[in-house]
C-alpha cells in the first residue's frame, strides 16, 4: 500500500507552504543511489508533515509535474541524523521511478 498525496488546493495554503519548504541544496544525503534532501516545513502548523512522515505506508507527494518520495521512518533513520519536529526528507522521482516504486507493470499495479 502507498499514499499519493496531491499537493494542490485552491482553498488552502498547502501548495504555498509545500513550495516554500522545498530545499534541495542544504542537507543532501545519497542513500542507495538516491539523493534525499532534509528540509524544514515552512507552514504554521507542522502537523501536516508530521502525520505523513510517521505513516506506515510509503508516501509520495505529487506537486505540479513532480513526484517526491517522503522518507519513511526507516529510511529517515538511515540518513545520518534523526529528523526533528518539522523536518522531513524528500527524494525527487521521475515518472518511471515512481511506477517502479509502486510496481506498476503492464498498466496495472502488481
N, C-alpha and C. Protein backbone atom coordinates (compact mmCIF):
# COMPACT_ATOMS: atom_id res chain seq x y z
N UNK A 1 0.84 -1.17 0.00
CA UNK A 1 0.00 0.00 0.00
C UNK A 1 0.89 1.24 0.00
N UNK A 2 0.39 2.29 -0.64
CA UNK A 2 1.10 3.57 -0.64
C UNK A 2 0.07 4.69 -0.70
N UNK A 3 0.52 5.88 -0.34
CA UNK A 3 -0.29 7.08 -0.45
C UNK A 3 0.34 7.98 -1.51
N UNK A 4 -0.49 8.51 -2.39
CA UNK A 4 -0.06 9.54 -3.34
C UNK A 4 -0.86 10.78 -2.99
N UNK A 5 -0.19 11.75 -2.37
CA UNK A 5 -0.84 12.95 -1.88
C UNK A 5 -0.67 14.05 -2.92
N UNK A 6 -1.79 14.52 -3.42
CA UNK A 6 -1.78 15.58 -4.43
C UNK A 6 -1.71 16.92 -3.71
N UNK A 7 -0.62 17.66 -3.91
CA UNK A 7 -0.41 18.94 -3.24
C UNK A 7 -0.92 20.06 -4.14
N UNK A 8 -2.22 20.24 -4.15
CA UNK A 8 -2.81 21.36 -4.86
C UNK A 8 -4.18 21.59 -4.26
N UNK A 9 -4.37 22.76 -3.77
CA UNK A 9 -5.65 23.09 -3.20
C UNK A 9 -5.89 24.58 -3.39
N UNK A 10 -6.94 24.90 -4.10
CA UNK A 10 -7.24 26.31 -4.33
C UNK A 10 -7.82 26.97 -3.09
N UNK A 11 -8.23 26.18 -2.10
CA UNK A 11 -8.88 26.74 -0.92
C UNK A 11 -7.96 26.80 0.30
N UNK A 12 -6.68 26.42 0.15
CA UNK A 12 -5.78 26.47 1.30
C UNK A 12 -4.39 26.89 0.84
N UNK A 13 -3.53 27.05 1.82
CA UNK A 13 -2.15 27.45 1.53
C UNK A 13 -1.20 26.26 1.46
N UNK A 14 -1.72 25.04 1.42
CA UNK A 14 -0.88 23.85 1.43
C UNK A 14 0.18 23.89 0.33
N UNK A 15 -0.23 24.19 -0.89
CA UNK A 15 0.72 24.23 -2.00
C UNK A 15 1.79 25.29 -1.79
N UNK A 16 1.39 26.44 -1.25
CA UNK A 16 2.35 27.51 -0.97
C UNK A 16 3.35 27.09 0.08
N UNK A 17 2.88 26.51 1.19
CA UNK A 17 3.77 26.06 2.25
C UNK A 17 4.70 24.96 1.76
N UNK A 18 4.17 24.04 0.96
CA UNK A 18 5.00 22.97 0.43
C UNK A 18 6.11 23.55 -0.44
N UNK A 19 5.75 24.45 -1.34
CA UNK A 19 6.74 25.08 -2.22
C UNK A 19 7.80 25.85 -1.43
N UNK A 20 7.36 26.56 -0.40
CA UNK A 20 8.29 27.33 0.43
C UNK A 20 9.25 26.41 1.18
N UNK A 21 8.82 25.19 1.46
CA UNK A 21 9.63 24.25 2.24
C UNK A 21 10.69 23.53 1.42
N UNK A 22 10.51 23.47 0.11
CA UNK A 22 11.44 22.72 -0.73
C UNK A 22 12.83 23.34 -0.72
N UNK A 23 13.80 22.55 -0.33
CA UNK A 23 15.19 22.98 -0.27
C UNK A 23 16.07 21.77 -0.59
N UNK A 24 16.47 21.66 -1.84
CA UNK A 24 17.25 20.50 -2.27
C UNK A 24 18.75 20.79 -2.30
N UNK A 25 19.18 21.83 -1.57
CA UNK A 25 20.60 22.16 -1.62
C UNK A 25 21.29 22.15 -0.26
N UNK A 26 20.57 22.28 0.83
CA UNK A 26 21.21 22.44 2.13
C UNK A 26 21.74 21.14 2.74
N UNK A 27 20.89 20.16 2.93
CA UNK A 27 21.29 18.91 3.59
C UNK A 27 20.95 17.74 2.69
N UNK A 28 21.85 17.42 1.79
CA UNK A 28 21.61 16.35 0.82
C UNK A 28 22.44 15.13 1.21
N UNK A 29 21.79 13.96 1.18
CA UNK A 29 22.46 12.71 1.50
C UNK A 29 22.15 11.69 0.42
N UNK A 30 23.17 10.99 -0.06
CA UNK A 30 22.96 9.92 -1.03
C UNK A 30 22.73 8.63 -0.26
N UNK A 31 21.62 7.98 -0.56
CA UNK A 31 21.27 6.74 0.11
C UNK A 31 20.79 5.74 -0.93
N UNK A 32 21.51 4.66 -1.07
CA UNK A 32 21.15 3.61 -2.03
C UNK A 32 20.98 4.16 -3.45
N UNK A 33 21.84 5.11 -3.82
CA UNK A 33 21.81 5.66 -5.17
C UNK A 33 20.78 6.76 -5.40
N UNK A 34 20.07 7.16 -4.37
CA UNK A 34 19.07 8.24 -4.48
C UNK A 34 19.50 9.39 -3.58
N UNK A 35 19.25 10.61 -4.05
CA UNK A 35 19.58 11.79 -3.26
C UNK A 35 18.36 12.24 -2.46
N UNK A 36 18.51 12.24 -1.15
CA UNK A 36 17.48 12.72 -0.25
C UNK A 36 17.92 14.06 0.30
N UNK A 37 17.01 15.00 0.35
CA UNK A 37 17.29 16.31 0.94
C UNK A 37 16.44 16.47 2.19
N UNK A 38 17.08 16.85 3.27
CA UNK A 38 16.37 17.12 4.51
C UNK A 38 16.00 18.59 4.50
N UNK A 39 14.74 18.87 4.78
CA UNK A 39 14.25 20.24 4.76
C UNK A 39 13.31 20.48 5.92
N UNK A 40 12.92 21.72 6.11
CA UNK A 40 12.06 22.12 7.21
C UNK A 40 10.73 22.61 6.67
N UNK A 41 9.64 22.13 7.30
CA UNK A 41 8.28 22.55 6.90
C UNK A 41 8.10 24.02 7.27
N UNK A 42 7.69 24.84 6.31
CA UNK A 42 7.58 26.27 6.50
C UNK A 42 6.17 26.74 6.86
N UNK A 43 5.23 25.83 6.90
CA UNK A 43 3.87 26.20 7.26
C UNK A 43 3.74 26.45 8.74
N UNK A 44 2.68 27.16 9.15
CA UNK A 44 2.50 27.47 10.57
C UNK A 44 2.16 26.24 11.41
N UNK A 45 1.58 25.22 10.80
CA UNK A 45 1.20 24.01 11.53
C UNK A 45 2.02 22.83 11.00
N UNK A 46 2.87 22.29 11.82
CA UNK A 46 3.76 21.20 11.39
C UNK A 46 3.05 19.85 11.41
N UNK A 47 1.80 19.81 11.85
CA UNK A 47 1.07 18.55 11.96
C UNK A 47 0.92 17.86 10.59
N UNK A 48 0.77 18.63 9.52
CA UNK A 48 0.63 18.05 8.18
C UNK A 48 1.81 17.13 7.87
N UNK A 49 3.03 17.66 7.99
CA UNK A 49 4.20 16.88 7.62
C UNK A 49 4.50 15.81 8.67
N UNK A 50 4.23 16.09 9.93
CA UNK A 50 4.47 15.11 10.99
C UNK A 50 3.60 13.87 10.79
N UNK A 51 2.35 14.08 10.43
CA UNK A 51 1.44 12.94 10.20
C UNK A 51 1.94 12.07 9.06
N UNK A 52 2.32 12.68 7.94
CA UNK A 52 2.75 11.90 6.78
C UNK A 52 4.09 11.22 7.00
N UNK A 53 5.02 11.86 7.69
CA UNK A 53 6.34 11.23 7.86
C UNK A 53 6.30 10.06 8.83
N UNK A 54 5.24 9.92 9.62
CA UNK A 54 5.09 8.78 10.51
C UNK A 54 4.25 7.66 9.91
N UNK A 55 3.79 7.83 8.69
CA UNK A 55 2.92 6.82 8.06
C UNK A 55 3.64 5.48 7.92
N UNK A 56 2.89 4.41 8.07
CA UNK A 56 3.49 3.08 7.92
C UNK A 56 3.55 2.66 6.45
N UNK A 57 2.73 3.28 5.60
CA UNK A 57 2.77 3.02 4.15
C UNK A 57 3.72 4.03 3.51
N UNK A 58 4.21 3.73 2.33
CA UNK A 58 5.05 4.68 1.60
C UNK A 58 4.20 5.88 1.19
N UNK A 59 4.81 7.07 1.27
CA UNK A 59 4.10 8.31 0.95
C UNK A 59 4.84 9.01 -0.18
N UNK A 60 4.06 9.39 -1.20
CA UNK A 60 4.56 10.15 -2.33
C UNK A 60 3.76 11.43 -2.41
N UNK A 61 4.42 12.54 -2.73
CA UNK A 61 3.73 13.81 -2.93
C UNK A 61 3.79 14.15 -4.41
N UNK A 62 2.66 14.52 -4.97
CA UNK A 62 2.58 14.98 -6.35
C UNK A 62 2.33 16.49 -6.30
N UNK A 63 3.31 17.25 -6.74
CA UNK A 63 3.20 18.71 -6.74
C UNK A 63 3.54 19.20 -8.14
N UNK A 64 2.52 19.67 -8.85
CA UNK A 64 2.72 20.08 -10.23
C UNK A 64 3.18 18.89 -11.05
N UNK A 65 4.25 19.04 -11.84
CA UNK A 65 4.73 17.92 -12.66
C UNK A 65 5.68 16.98 -11.91
N UNK A 66 5.89 17.22 -10.62
CA UNK A 66 6.89 16.47 -9.87
C UNK A 66 6.27 15.44 -8.93
N UNK A 67 7.01 14.37 -8.71
CA UNK A 67 6.64 13.36 -7.72
C UNK A 67 7.83 13.23 -6.77
N UNK A 68 7.53 13.29 -5.47
CA UNK A 68 8.54 13.19 -4.44
C UNK A 68 8.23 12.01 -3.54
N UNK A 69 9.27 11.30 -3.12
CA UNK A 69 9.11 10.25 -2.13
C UNK A 69 9.47 10.83 -0.78
N UNK A 70 8.58 10.71 0.19
CA UNK A 70 8.83 11.16 1.55
C UNK A 70 9.52 10.03 2.30
N UNK A 71 10.68 10.31 2.85
CA UNK A 71 11.42 9.28 3.57
C UNK A 71 10.57 8.70 4.69
N UNK A 72 10.41 7.40 4.66
CA UNK A 72 9.68 6.69 5.70
C UNK A 72 10.52 6.71 6.98
N UNK A 73 9.95 6.34 8.13
CA UNK A 73 10.75 6.34 9.36
C UNK A 73 12.03 5.51 9.24
N UNK A 74 11.97 4.36 8.59
CA UNK A 74 13.16 3.52 8.42
C UNK A 74 14.21 4.18 7.55
N UNK A 75 13.79 4.79 6.46
CA UNK A 75 14.73 5.48 5.57
C UNK A 75 15.30 6.70 6.28
N UNK A 76 14.45 7.45 6.95
CA UNK A 76 14.90 8.65 7.66
C UNK A 76 15.97 8.31 8.70
N UNK A 77 15.83 7.18 9.36
CA UNK A 77 16.82 6.77 10.37
C UNK A 77 18.18 6.51 9.74
N UNK A 78 18.22 6.17 8.48
CA UNK A 78 19.48 5.87 7.80
C UNK A 78 20.14 7.10 7.19
N UNK A 79 19.53 8.27 7.31
CA UNK A 79 20.06 9.48 6.68
C UNK A 79 21.15 10.17 7.48
N UNK A 80 21.50 9.66 8.63
CA UNK A 80 22.60 10.24 9.39
C UNK A 80 22.19 10.82 10.71
N UNK A 81 21.36 11.82 10.72
CA UNK A 81 20.91 12.44 11.97
C UNK A 81 19.39 12.30 12.05
N UNK A 82 18.86 12.11 13.24
CA UNK A 82 17.40 11.99 13.36
C UNK A 82 16.70 13.27 12.91
N UNK A 83 15.53 13.10 12.34
CA UNK A 83 14.76 14.26 11.89
C UNK A 83 14.02 14.85 13.08
N UNK A 84 14.18 16.14 13.27
CA UNK A 84 13.48 16.83 14.35
C UNK A 84 12.06 17.15 13.92
N UNK A 85 11.26 17.61 14.88
CA UNK A 85 9.89 18.00 14.57
C UNK A 85 9.91 19.08 13.49
N UNK A 86 9.11 18.88 12.46
CA UNK A 86 9.05 19.83 11.36
C UNK A 86 10.04 19.55 10.24
N UNK A 87 10.99 18.66 10.47
CA UNK A 87 11.93 18.29 9.42
C UNK A 87 11.43 17.05 8.69
N UNK A 88 11.75 16.98 7.42
CA UNK A 88 11.37 15.83 6.61
C UNK A 88 12.38 15.69 5.48
N UNK A 89 12.41 14.53 4.86
CA UNK A 89 13.37 14.28 3.77
C UNK A 89 12.60 13.82 2.54
N UNK A 90 12.97 14.40 1.41
CA UNK A 90 12.34 14.05 0.13
C UNK A 90 13.38 13.61 -0.87
N UNK A 91 12.94 12.77 -1.78
CA UNK A 91 13.72 12.35 -2.93
C UNK A 91 12.84 12.61 -4.15
N UNK A 92 13.39 13.28 -5.15
CA UNK A 92 12.65 13.53 -6.38
C UNK A 92 12.66 12.28 -7.24
N UNK A 93 11.51 11.91 -7.77
CA UNK A 93 11.39 10.73 -8.61
C UNK A 93 10.93 11.10 -10.01
N UNK A 94 11.45 10.39 -10.98
CA UNK A 94 10.91 10.50 -12.33
C UNK A 94 9.61 9.70 -12.38
N UNK A 95 8.86 9.86 -13.42
CA UNK A 95 7.63 9.08 -13.59
C UNK A 95 7.93 7.59 -13.57
N UNK A 96 8.99 7.19 -14.27
CA UNK A 96 9.37 5.77 -14.30
C UNK A 96 9.83 5.27 -12.93
N UNK A 97 10.57 6.11 -12.18
CA UNK A 97 10.97 5.73 -10.82
C UNK A 97 9.74 5.48 -9.96
N UNK A 98 8.76 6.37 -10.08
CA UNK A 98 7.53 6.21 -9.29
C UNK A 98 6.81 4.92 -9.67
N UNK A 99 6.67 4.66 -10.95
CA UNK A 99 5.98 3.45 -11.39
C UNK A 99 6.71 2.20 -10.92
N UNK A 100 8.04 2.21 -10.94
CA UNK A 100 8.80 1.07 -10.42
C UNK A 100 8.60 0.94 -8.91
N UNK A 101 8.55 2.07 -8.22
CA UNK A 101 8.40 2.04 -6.76
C UNK A 101 7.07 1.43 -6.34
N UNK A 102 6.04 1.68 -7.13
CA UNK A 102 4.73 1.11 -6.79
C UNK A 102 4.47 -0.17 -7.58
N UNK A 103 5.49 -0.62 -8.29
CA UNK A 103 5.47 -1.88 -9.05
C UNK A 103 4.31 -1.92 -10.06
N UNK A 104 4.21 -0.87 -10.84
CA UNK A 104 3.19 -0.79 -11.86
C UNK A 104 3.72 -1.50 -13.10
N UNK A 105 3.12 -2.61 -13.44
CA UNK A 105 3.58 -3.40 -14.59
C UNK A 105 2.42 -3.63 -15.55
N UNK A 106 2.68 -3.45 -16.82
CA UNK A 106 1.68 -3.68 -17.86
C UNK A 106 0.39 -2.92 -17.60
N UNK A 107 0.51 -1.68 -17.10
CA UNK A 107 -0.67 -0.85 -16.91
C UNK A 107 -1.48 -1.16 -15.68
N UNK A 108 -1.00 -1.99 -14.79
CA UNK A 108 -1.73 -2.31 -13.57
C UNK A 108 -0.76 -2.53 -12.41
N UNK A 109 -1.16 -2.10 -11.21
CA UNK A 109 -0.26 -2.34 -10.07
C UNK A 109 -0.12 -3.82 -9.80
N UNK A 110 1.08 -4.21 -9.38
CA UNK A 110 1.27 -5.64 -9.08
C UNK A 110 1.23 -5.89 -7.60
